[in-house]
Amino acid sequence: MEFSFSGPSGPLRIVLAIIVGLGAMGYGGYMYTAQSSAVESTETVEATIVSTSIEEIDNRKGSDEYSPHATFTYTYEGEQYTSSDMYPGDVAHEFPTKEDAQAQLDGYDSGATVSAYVPTNSPGDAFLQDETSNKPLFIAGLGAFLAFGTVISVFRS
């Protein structure tokens, strides 16, 4: 892999590529840590499903993906909360078909009583499925590839 950084704006491109790469590494690392800590320190509570939906995500790469959502209410330490997080952290889980996304909502019919996982350090961010995603690691890896690829390319030229 080789980047072209020639011309008067070459140094600016180098700096920007490194900053973007390091930023992606930091963001991916932060998201992975956030979802991991949410899963590690939870208490299970009963929750009531209010509504469910499937969001269509236009990826502009030829095929759309779908993300399941469920809004639910729950009580933790005497306080009532509402959440719409299916999974821990802010990482969306996307599925290639609407049917795959709908399958994630099986058992989450409106009015159903289900288990929810409440992060003890952030009780307003409960989630329904106790599983993590590798997407943050992918983002961090992509950032590392960009930053280190840029540095290697600069030293080779």
N, C-alpha and C. Protein backbone atom coordinates (compact mmCIF):
# COMPACT_ATOMS: atom_id res chain seq x y z
N MET A 1 0.84 -1.16 0.00
CA MET A 1 0.00 0.00 0.00
C MET A 1 0.89 1.22 0.00
N GLU A 2 0.60 2.16 -0.90
CA GLU A 2 1.39 3.38 -0.96
C GLU A 2 0.49 4.56 -1.23
N PHE A 3 0.67 5.60 -0.42
CA PHE A 3 -0.10 6.83 -0.59
C PHE A 3 0.75 7.83 -1.35
N SER A 4 0.12 8.74 -2.07
CA SER A 4 0.83 9.79 -2.75
C SER A 4 0.64 11.09 -1.97
N PHE A 5 1.74 11.62 -1.45
CA PHE A 5 1.67 12.85 -0.67
C PHE A 5 2.53 13.94 -1.29
N SER A 6 2.67 13.91 -2.60
CA SER A 6 3.52 14.89 -3.25
C SER A 6 2.77 16.20 -3.46
N GLY A 7 3.51 17.25 -3.71
CA GLY A 7 2.90 18.55 -3.96
C GLY A 7 2.92 19.41 -2.71
N PRO A 8 2.53 20.66 -2.87
CA PRO A 8 2.61 21.60 -1.75
C PRO A 8 1.70 21.24 -0.58
N SER A 9 0.59 20.56 -0.84
CA SER A 9 -0.30 20.22 0.27
C SER A 9 0.01 18.83 0.84
N GLY A 10 1.10 18.22 0.40
CA GLY A 10 1.49 16.89 0.87
C GLY A 10 1.63 16.79 2.37
N PRO A 11 2.38 17.69 3.03
CA PRO A 11 2.51 17.60 4.48
C PRO A 11 1.18 17.73 5.21
N LEU A 12 0.29 18.57 4.69
CA LEU A 12 -1.03 18.71 5.31
C LEU A 12 -1.81 17.41 5.20
N ARG A 13 -1.75 16.76 4.05
CA ARG A 13 -2.43 15.47 3.87
C ARG A 13 -1.89 14.42 4.83
N ILE A 14 -0.59 14.43 5.02
CA ILE A 14 0.04 13.47 5.93
C ILE A 14 -0.49 13.68 7.35
N VAL A 15 -0.45 14.92 7.79
CA VAL A 15 -0.90 15.23 9.14
C VAL A 15 -2.38 14.88 9.31
N LEU A 16 -3.20 15.23 8.32
CA LEU A 16 -4.64 14.92 8.40
C LEU A 16 -4.89 13.42 8.43
N ALA A 17 -4.17 12.66 7.60
CA ALA A 17 -4.36 11.20 7.58
C ALA A 17 -3.98 10.60 8.93
N ILE A 18 -2.91 11.09 9.53
CA ILE A 18 -2.49 10.56 10.84
C ILE A 18 -3.50 10.94 11.91
N ILE A 19 -3.99 12.19 11.88
CA ILE A 19 -4.98 12.63 12.87
C ILE A 19 -6.27 11.82 12.74
N VAL A 20 -6.74 11.64 11.52
CA VAL A 20 -7.97 10.85 11.32
C VAL A 20 -7.76 9.41 11.78
N GLY A 21 -6.62 8.83 11.45
CA GLY A 21 -6.33 7.46 11.87
C GLY A 21 -6.28 7.32 13.39
N LEU A 22 -5.58 8.26 14.04
CA LEU A 22 -5.51 8.21 15.50
C LEU A 22 -6.86 8.46 16.14
N GLY A 23 -7.65 9.36 15.52
CA GLY A 23 -9.00 9.63 16.03
C GLY A 23 -9.87 8.39 15.94
N ALA A 24 -9.80 7.67 14.83
CA ALA A 24 -10.59 6.45 14.67
C ALA A 24 -10.14 5.38 15.66
N MET A 25 -8.82 5.30 15.90
CA MET A 25 -8.32 4.35 16.89
C MET A 25 -8.88 4.68 18.28
N GLY A 26 -8.83 5.96 18.63
CA GLY A 26 -9.33 6.39 19.94
C GLY A 26 -10.82 6.16 20.09
N TYR A 27 -11.58 6.50 19.05
CA TYR A 27 -13.04 6.33 19.08
C TYR A 27 -13.40 4.85 19.20
N GLY A 28 -12.76 4.01 18.41
CA GLY A 28 -13.02 2.57 18.47
C GLY A 28 -12.67 1.99 19.83
N GLY A 29 -11.54 2.42 20.38
CA GLY A 29 -11.13 1.96 21.70
C GLY A 29 -12.10 2.40 22.78
N TYR A 30 -12.53 3.66 22.69
CA TYR A 30 -13.49 4.18 23.66
C TYR A 30 -14.81 3.41 23.59
N MET A 31 -15.33 3.19 22.38
CA MET A 31 -16.60 2.48 22.22
C MET A 31 -16.50 1.04 22.72
N TYR A 32 -15.37 0.38 22.46
CA TYR A 32 -15.19 -0.99 22.93
C TYR A 32 -15.16 -1.03 24.46
N THR A 33 -14.43 -0.10 25.06
CA THR A 33 -14.35 -0.03 26.52
C THR A 33 -15.71 0.27 27.13
N ALA A 34 -16.45 1.20 26.52
CA ALA A 34 -17.77 1.58 27.05
C ALA A 34 -18.73 0.41 27.02
N GLN A 35 -18.78 -0.33 25.91
CA GLN A 35 -19.72 -1.45 25.86
C GLN A 35 -19.25 -2.59 26.76
N SER A 36 -17.96 -2.80 26.88
CA SER A 36 -17.45 -3.86 27.75
C SER A 36 -17.75 -3.56 29.21
N SER A 37 -17.55 -2.30 29.63
CA SER A 37 -17.82 -1.97 31.03
C SER A 37 -19.31 -2.00 31.31
N ALA A 38 -20.14 -1.66 30.33
CA ALA A 38 -21.59 -1.74 30.52
C ALA A 38 -22.03 -3.18 30.76
N VAL A 39 -21.43 -4.11 30.07
CA VAL A 39 -21.79 -5.52 30.22
C VAL A 39 -21.27 -6.10 31.54
N GLU A 40 -20.10 -5.65 31.97
CA GLU A 40 -19.48 -6.22 33.17
C GLU A 40 -20.15 -5.82 34.47
N SER A 41 -20.75 -4.63 34.52
CA SER A 41 -21.31 -4.15 35.79
C SER A 41 -22.79 -3.84 35.63
N THR A 42 -23.59 -4.89 35.53
CA THR A 42 -25.03 -4.70 35.36
C THR A 42 -25.81 -5.42 36.44
N GLU A 43 -27.02 -4.95 36.61
CA GLU A 43 -28.00 -5.66 37.42
C GLU A 43 -29.18 -5.97 36.51
N THR A 44 -29.77 -7.13 36.69
CA THR A 44 -30.92 -7.52 35.88
C THR A 44 -32.20 -7.05 36.55
N VAL A 45 -33.09 -6.43 35.76
CA VAL A 45 -34.38 -5.95 36.26
C VAL A 45 -35.47 -6.40 35.28
N GLU A 46 -36.71 -6.35 35.73
CA GLU A 46 -37.82 -6.60 34.82
C GLU A 46 -38.16 -5.32 34.08
N ALA A 47 -38.45 -5.46 32.81
CA ALA A 47 -38.79 -4.30 31.98
C ALA A 47 -40.05 -4.64 31.20
N THR A 48 -40.77 -3.60 30.79
CA THR A 48 -41.97 -3.77 29.98
C THR A 48 -41.73 -3.12 28.62
N ILE A 49 -41.95 -3.91 27.57
CA ILE A 49 -41.76 -3.40 26.22
C ILE A 49 -42.90 -2.44 25.88
N VAL A 50 -42.54 -1.25 25.40
CA VAL A 50 -43.51 -0.24 25.00
C VAL A 50 -43.77 -0.34 23.50
N SER A 51 -42.68 -0.44 22.72
CA SER A 51 -42.83 -0.53 21.26
C SER A 51 -41.56 -1.10 20.66
N THR A 52 -41.68 -1.59 19.43
CA THR A 52 -40.53 -2.08 18.68
C THR A 52 -40.60 -1.52 17.26
N SER A 53 -39.44 -1.48 16.62
CA SER A 53 -39.38 -1.03 15.23
C SER A 53 -38.11 -1.54 14.58
N ILE A 54 -38.11 -1.47 13.27
CA ILE A 54 -36.93 -1.82 12.48
C ILE A 54 -36.53 -0.56 11.72
N GLU A 55 -35.28 -0.13 11.88
CA GLU A 55 -34.79 1.04 11.15
C GLU A 55 -34.02 0.57 9.92
N GLU A 56 -34.36 1.13 8.77
CA GLU A 56 -33.64 0.83 7.54
C GLU A 56 -32.48 1.80 7.42
N ILE A 57 -31.29 1.26 7.24
CA ILE A 57 -30.08 2.07 7.16
C ILE A 57 -29.60 2.05 5.71
N ASP A 58 -29.59 3.20 5.09
CA ASP A 58 -29.16 3.34 3.69
C ASP A 58 -27.64 3.47 3.67
N ASN A 59 -26.96 2.42 3.25
CA ASN A 59 -25.50 2.43 3.24
C ASN A 59 -24.90 2.99 1.97
N ARG A 60 -25.71 3.28 0.99
CA ARG A 60 -25.26 3.85 -0.29
C ARG A 60 -24.20 2.98 -0.97
N LYS A 61 -24.17 1.72 -0.63
CA LYS A 61 -23.22 0.82 -1.29
C LYS A 61 -23.95 -0.32 -1.99
N GLY A 62 -25.21 -0.06 -2.31
CA GLY A 62 -25.96 -1.04 -3.07
C GLY A 62 -26.95 -1.85 -2.27
N SER A 63 -26.69 -2.06 -0.99
CA SER A 63 -27.64 -2.83 -0.20
C SER A 63 -27.85 -2.14 1.15
N ASP A 64 -29.10 -2.09 1.56
CA ASP A 64 -29.43 -1.49 2.84
C ASP A 64 -29.23 -2.52 3.95
N GLU A 65 -29.13 -2.03 5.17
CA GLU A 65 -29.08 -2.89 6.33
C GLU A 65 -30.19 -2.46 7.27
N TYR A 66 -30.46 -3.27 8.28
CA TYR A 66 -31.58 -3.03 9.17
C TYR A 66 -31.13 -3.15 10.61
N SER A 67 -31.67 -2.28 11.46
CA SER A 67 -31.32 -2.27 12.87
C SER A 67 -32.59 -2.36 13.71
N PRO A 68 -32.66 -3.35 14.61
CA PRO A 68 -33.85 -3.49 15.46
C PRO A 68 -33.81 -2.51 16.64
N HIS A 69 -34.98 -2.02 17.03
CA HIS A 69 -35.10 -1.11 18.18
C HIS A 69 -36.28 -1.53 19.03
N ALA A 70 -36.13 -1.42 20.34
CA ALA A 70 -37.22 -1.69 21.27
C ALA A 70 -37.17 -0.63 22.36
N THR A 71 -38.28 0.00 22.60
CA THR A 71 -38.40 0.96 23.69
C THR A 71 -39.04 0.23 24.86
N PHE A 72 -38.47 0.42 26.06
CA PHE A 72 -38.98 -0.29 27.23
C PHE A 72 -38.85 0.59 28.47
N THR A 73 -39.67 0.28 29.45
CA THR A 73 -39.62 0.99 30.73
C THR A 73 -39.19 0.01 31.81
N TYR A 74 -38.55 0.54 32.85
CA TYR A 74 -38.09 -0.30 33.95
C TYR A 74 -37.88 0.57 35.18
N THR A 75 -37.81 -0.07 36.32
CA THR A 75 -37.57 0.63 37.58
C THR A 75 -36.26 0.12 38.16
N TYR A 76 -35.42 1.06 38.55
CA TYR A 76 -34.13 0.71 39.18
C TYR A 76 -33.94 1.61 40.39
N GLU A 77 -33.76 1.00 41.55
CA GLU A 77 -33.58 1.71 42.82
C GLU A 77 -34.66 2.77 43.03
N GLY A 78 -35.90 2.38 42.75
CA GLY A 78 -37.04 3.25 43.00
C GLY A 78 -37.32 4.30 41.94
N GLU A 79 -36.46 4.44 40.96
CA GLU A 79 -36.64 5.42 39.88
C GLU A 79 -37.13 4.72 38.62
N GLN A 80 -38.05 5.35 37.91
CA GLN A 80 -38.55 4.79 36.64
C GLN A 80 -37.74 5.36 35.48
N TYR A 81 -37.38 4.49 34.54
CA TYR A 81 -36.58 4.88 33.38
C TYR A 81 -37.23 4.34 32.11
N THR A 82 -36.86 4.96 31.00
CA THR A 82 -37.22 4.47 29.67
C THR A 82 -35.94 4.41 28.85
N SER A 83 -35.78 3.32 28.11
CA SER A 83 -34.60 3.17 27.26
C SER A 83 -35.03 2.57 25.93
N SER A 84 -34.20 2.74 24.94
CA SER A 84 -34.47 2.10 23.64
C SER A 84 -33.21 1.42 23.12
N ASP A 85 -32.33 1.01 24.04
CA ASP A 85 -31.09 0.33 23.66
C ASP A 85 -31.28 -1.18 23.66
N MET A 86 -31.15 -1.77 22.51
CA MET A 86 -31.19 -3.23 22.43
C MET A 86 -29.88 -3.83 22.95
N TYR A 87 -28.77 -3.13 22.71
CA TYR A 87 -27.44 -3.65 23.01
C TYR A 87 -26.66 -2.64 23.85
N PRO A 88 -25.61 -3.08 24.54
CA PRO A 88 -24.83 -2.14 25.36
C PRO A 88 -24.03 -1.16 24.51
N GLY A 89 -23.80 0.02 25.08
CA GLY A 89 -23.01 1.04 24.38
C GLY A 89 -23.78 1.69 23.25
N ASP A 90 -23.09 2.50 22.50
CA ASP A 90 -23.72 3.24 21.41
C ASP A 90 -23.48 2.61 20.05
N VAL A 91 -23.08 1.37 20.03
CA VAL A 91 -22.79 0.70 18.77
C VAL A 91 -24.06 0.03 18.24
N ALA A 92 -24.48 0.45 17.06
CA ALA A 92 -25.68 -0.14 16.45
C ALA A 92 -25.35 -1.51 15.87
N HIS A 93 -26.25 -2.44 16.05
CA HIS A 93 -26.13 -3.75 15.43
C HIS A 93 -26.97 -3.72 14.16
N GLU A 94 -26.34 -4.04 13.05
CA GLU A 94 -27.03 -3.99 11.75
C GLU A 94 -27.08 -5.38 11.15
N PHE A 95 -28.17 -5.64 10.44
CA PHE A 95 -28.40 -6.95 9.85
C PHE A 95 -28.69 -6.79 8.37
N PRO A 96 -28.30 -7.77 7.56
CA PRO A 96 -28.42 -7.63 6.10
C PRO A 96 -29.86 -7.67 5.58
N THR A 97 -30.76 -8.29 6.33
CA THR A 97 -32.15 -8.35 5.86
C THR A 97 -33.09 -7.89 6.98
N LYS A 98 -34.26 -7.48 6.57
CA LYS A 98 -35.27 -7.05 7.54
C LYS A 98 -35.69 -8.24 8.41
N GLU A 99 -35.72 -9.42 7.83
CA GLU A 99 -36.10 -10.62 8.57
C GLU A 99 -35.08 -10.93 9.67
N ASP A 100 -33.79 -10.73 9.37
CA ASP A 100 -32.75 -10.97 10.39
C ASP A 100 -32.90 -9.98 11.54
N ALA A 101 -33.18 -8.73 11.22
CA ALA A 101 -33.40 -7.72 12.27
C ALA A 101 -34.65 -8.04 13.07
N GLN A 102 -35.71 -8.46 12.37
CA GLN A 102 -36.97 -8.80 13.05
C GLN A 102 -36.76 -9.99 14.00
N ALA A 103 -35.91 -10.93 13.61
CA ALA A 103 -35.64 -12.09 14.47
C ALA A 103 -35.04 -11.66 15.81
N GLN A 104 -34.32 -10.55 15.83
CA GLN A 104 -33.75 -10.04 17.07
C GLN A 104 -34.83 -9.55 18.03
N LEU A 105 -36.01 -9.24 17.49
CA LEU A 105 -37.11 -8.72 18.30
C LEU A 105 -38.07 -9.80 18.77
N ASP A 106 -37.78 -11.07 18.44
CA ASP A 106 -38.64 -12.16 18.90
C ASP A 106 -38.71 -12.16 20.43
N GLY A 107 -39.91 -12.20 20.97
CA GLY A 107 -40.11 -12.19 22.41
C GLY A 107 -40.23 -10.79 23.00
N TYR A 108 -40.07 -9.78 22.16
CA TYR A 108 -40.15 -8.40 22.63
C TYR A 108 -41.42 -7.72 22.10
N ASP A 109 -42.55 -8.40 22.22
CA ASP A 109 -43.82 -7.82 21.78
C ASP A 109 -44.24 -6.72 22.74
N SER A 110 -44.98 -5.75 22.22
CA SER A 110 -45.48 -4.65 23.04
C SER A 110 -46.26 -5.18 24.23
N GLY A 111 -45.92 -4.71 25.44
CA GLY A 111 -46.57 -5.16 26.66
C GLY A 111 -45.89 -6.32 27.34
N ALA A 112 -44.94 -6.97 26.66
CA ALA A 112 -44.25 -8.14 27.23
C ALA A 112 -43.33 -7.71 28.38
N THR A 113 -43.22 -8.57 29.38
CA THR A 113 -42.28 -8.36 30.47
C THR A 113 -41.03 -9.17 30.15
N VAL A 114 -39.89 -8.49 30.13
CA VAL A 114 -38.62 -9.11 29.75
C VAL A 114 -37.54 -8.71 30.76
N SER A 115 -36.38 -9.33 30.65
CA SER A 115 -35.24 -8.94 31.46
C SER A 115 -34.48 -7.84 30.75
N ALA A 116 -34.04 -6.85 31.52
CA ALA A 116 -33.19 -5.78 31.00
C ALA A 116 -31.95 -5.72 31.89
N TYR A 117 -30.86 -5.25 31.31
CA TYR A 117 -29.60 -5.16 32.03
C TYR A 117 -29.29 -3.69 32.27
N VAL A 118 -29.17 -3.33 33.54
CA VAL A 118 -28.96 -1.94 33.93
C VAL A 118 -27.50 -1.75 34.36
N PRO A 119 -26.74 -0.94 33.63
CA PRO A 119 -25.38 -0.62 34.09
C PRO A 119 -25.47 0.15 35.42
N THR A 120 -24.80 -0.35 36.45
CA THR A 120 -24.93 0.25 37.76
C THR A 120 -24.40 1.68 37.81
N ASN A 121 -23.46 2.02 36.95
CA ASN A 121 -22.91 3.38 36.95
C ASN A 121 -23.68 4.32 36.02
N SER A 122 -24.65 3.80 35.27
CA SER A 122 -25.44 4.62 34.35
C SER A 122 -26.83 3.99 34.20
N PRO A 123 -27.67 4.09 35.23
CA PRO A 123 -28.94 3.36 35.24
C PRO A 123 -29.93 3.76 34.13
N GLY A 124 -29.74 4.88 33.50
CA GLY A 124 -30.64 5.28 32.42
C GLY A 124 -30.31 4.64 31.08
N ASP A 125 -29.24 3.85 31.03
CA ASP A 125 -28.78 3.24 29.78
C ASP A 125 -28.96 1.73 29.75
N ALA A 126 -30.07 1.24 30.24
CA ALA A 126 -30.32 -0.21 30.24
C ALA A 126 -30.42 -0.73 28.81
N PHE A 127 -30.16 -2.01 28.66
CA PHE A 127 -30.24 -2.66 27.35
C PHE A 127 -30.86 -4.04 27.52
N LEU A 128 -31.29 -4.62 26.41
CA LEU A 128 -32.03 -5.88 26.46
C LEU A 128 -31.18 -7.11 26.18
N GLN A 129 -30.19 -6.99 25.32
CA GLN A 129 -29.39 -8.16 24.96
C GLN A 129 -27.96 -7.97 25.44
N ASP A 130 -27.54 -8.92 26.26
CA ASP A 130 -26.25 -8.85 26.93
C ASP A 130 -25.15 -9.41 26.01
N GLU A 131 -24.88 -8.70 24.92
CA GLU A 131 -23.84 -9.13 23.99
C GLU A 131 -23.13 -7.92 23.41
N THR A 132 -21.86 -8.08 23.13
CA THR A 132 -21.06 -6.98 22.59
C THR A 132 -20.86 -7.15 21.10
N SER A 133 -20.37 -6.09 20.48
CA SER A 133 -20.10 -6.09 19.04
C SER A 133 -18.60 -5.91 18.81
N ASN A 134 -18.11 -6.44 17.71
CA ASN A 134 -16.71 -6.26 17.33
C ASN A 134 -16.52 -5.02 16.46
N LYS A 135 -17.61 -4.30 16.18
CA LYS A 135 -17.51 -3.11 15.32
C LYS A 135 -16.51 -2.08 15.85
N PRO A 136 -16.46 -1.80 17.18
CA PRO A 136 -15.46 -0.84 17.66
C PRO A 136 -14.02 -1.28 17.38
N LEU A 137 -13.76 -2.58 17.47
CA LEU A 137 -12.41 -3.07 17.16
C LEU A 137 -12.10 -2.90 15.69
N PHE A 138 -13.10 -3.07 14.83
CA PHE A 138 -12.92 -2.87 13.40
C PHE A 138 -12.58 -1.40 13.12
N ILE A 139 -13.29 -0.47 13.77
CA ILE A 139 -13.03 0.96 13.59
C ILE A 139 -11.62 1.30 14.06
N ALA A 140 -11.23 0.78 15.23
CA ALA A 140 -9.89 1.03 15.75
C ALA A 140 -8.82 0.46 14.82
N GLY A 141 -9.07 -0.73 14.29
CA GLY A 141 -8.13 -1.35 13.36
C GLY A 141 -8.00 -0.58 12.07
N LEU A 142 -9.10 -0.08 11.57
CA LEU A 142 -9.08 0.74 10.36
C LEU A 142 -8.27 2.01 10.59
N GLY A 143 -8.47 2.63 11.76
CA GLY A 143 -7.70 3.82 12.11
C GLY A 143 -6.22 3.54 12.21
N ALA A 144 -5.87 2.41 12.83
CA ALA A 144 -4.47 2.02 12.95
C ALA A 144 -3.86 1.79 11.57
N PHE A 145 -4.61 1.15 10.70
CA PHE A 145 -4.14 0.90 9.33
C PHE A 145 -3.85 2.23 8.62
N LEU A 146 -4.76 3.20 8.76
CA LEU A 146 -4.58 4.49 8.11
C LEU A 146 -3.39 5.23 8.70
N ALA A 147 -3.31 5.33 10.01
CA ALA A 147 -2.22 6.08 10.65
C ALA A 147 -0.86 5.44 10.39
N PHE A 148 -0.75 4.16 10.65
CA PHE A 148 0.55 3.50 10.47
C PHE A 148 0.90 3.33 9.00
N GLY A 149 -0.10 3.12 8.15
CA GLY A 149 0.16 3.06 6.71
C GLY A 149 0.70 4.38 6.19
N THR A 150 0.17 5.48 6.70
CA THR A 150 0.66 6.80 6.31
C THR A 150 2.10 7.00 6.76
N VAL A 151 2.39 6.66 8.01
CA VAL A 151 3.75 6.81 8.53
C VAL A 151 4.73 5.95 7.75
N ILE A 152 4.37 4.72 7.48
CA ILE A 152 5.26 3.83 6.71
C ILE A 152 5.48 4.37 5.31
N SER A 153 4.42 4.87 4.69
CA SER A 153 4.54 5.41 3.34
C SER A 153 5.46 6.63 3.31
N VAL A 154 5.38 7.47 4.33
CA VAL A 154 6.24 8.66 4.41
C VAL A 154 7.70 8.24 4.54
N PHE A 155 7.96 7.23 5.37
CA PHE A 155 9.36 6.80 5.55
C PHE A 155 9.90 6.09 4.32
N ARG A 156 9.05 5.49 3.54
CA ARG A 156 9.50 4.81 2.31
C ARG A 156 9.82 5.80 1.20
N SER A 157 9.18 7.00 1.21
CA SER A 157 9.43 7.94 0.11
C SER A 157 10.58 8.86 0.38
